């Protein structure tokens, strides 16, 4: 009997020891391994590591569920309702799990489920992790892709635009050579060559100017610029053309306003607006230039009485090489770059250019640039308000 009792006590002791050893082992594992629970599917260390990554990151579970994702993964539309939203990403993750090797791929994915939405250009890398997990890293290259497309289109447009005057000059020179024994014909062709060469020179100059304005390393030494001087210089530069077209120029508005910027660039912008207005103004009409302070912004409005612009034309008028009337542009020497230059000058000065236009009533282009000293801003004069009226685009 005592033997049976002894064996029973021994078994109880062994069982208790085993349970105790298991509990100690389990506690040790909890101390050495970060806790994982449905409420916190990744450890604090892993979460901190993902937060430190500059790339958009998504940590995926064994069943493709999103365990953790950075905020930009949601804003970019990569993750929704706890899962990846794009089938191409899901397929790439599945392939990585099957092969057990990392994968890199470039892909275009819709920004949202809305038909026709913008597409994101992504560089994606997916790496397999332990326990069936996977890490997705994505770099958004959309802006770089867009810049490259713009640069490519710009080169193509420039090549096309340069072909026209160069080809015309070559043809005129050949024709003039064939008419060497006819002085009147030679003079006629020589005049045409001069006109095309001036157009070519203007085009090259504006291409250079626009390229300089768009350069990412472009730095401008801003100084106080007197708008009175800007207006006077700009009007003086177009006075001969205005007289030739029999278009008068009226100047009014606030005086002694200053902006912080580059004097030459502001003059270039205003001169382009005046060139544009004169180009589309009928004989006997008037182009008005009005300057006023509105809050801490200086506004320079150029108003013409031209043919005006449709809503569709207004949406495209600031595009490079865009022309509303190709025939008129060729006749007047327009390059299609003037308004694009105005837009970039305004942007480089922290401002903008606004357009009001109605077909048959003309257009108003308003260059808006922050004043150099908001405290010195002049109140708009009731006697000389900025003109409001009505066209033009650089063609």
Foldseek 3Di string as FASTA:
>chain_A
DVVVVVVVVVVVVVVVVVVVVVVVVVVVVCVVDPDADPVQNDGPVVVVVCVPDPFWKFKAAQVQFTRDTDPVCVQQQQDDPRHGDDPVVVVQLVVCLVVQAKDWDWDWAASDPDPPGHIWTKTWIKHADPNNMIMITIDTCRVVVVVVVVVVVVVVVLVVLLCVLVVLLVVLVVVLVVVVVPVVSVVVSVVVNVLSVVLNVVLVVLVVLLCLLPDPPRDFQWDKEFVVVLVVVLCVVCVVVCVVQQEAEEEFWDGRFIFTGDSVLSSLLVNLVVLFQSLFAHHPYYWYWYWADDQQKIKIKIWHFGQWDDPVCVVCLLPAQDDPDPVSCSVSSFRRHNSVSNQSRLVVQVHGWDKDADGRKAIMIMRMHGTHDSVPHDHIDPVTHGDDTHDGGGD
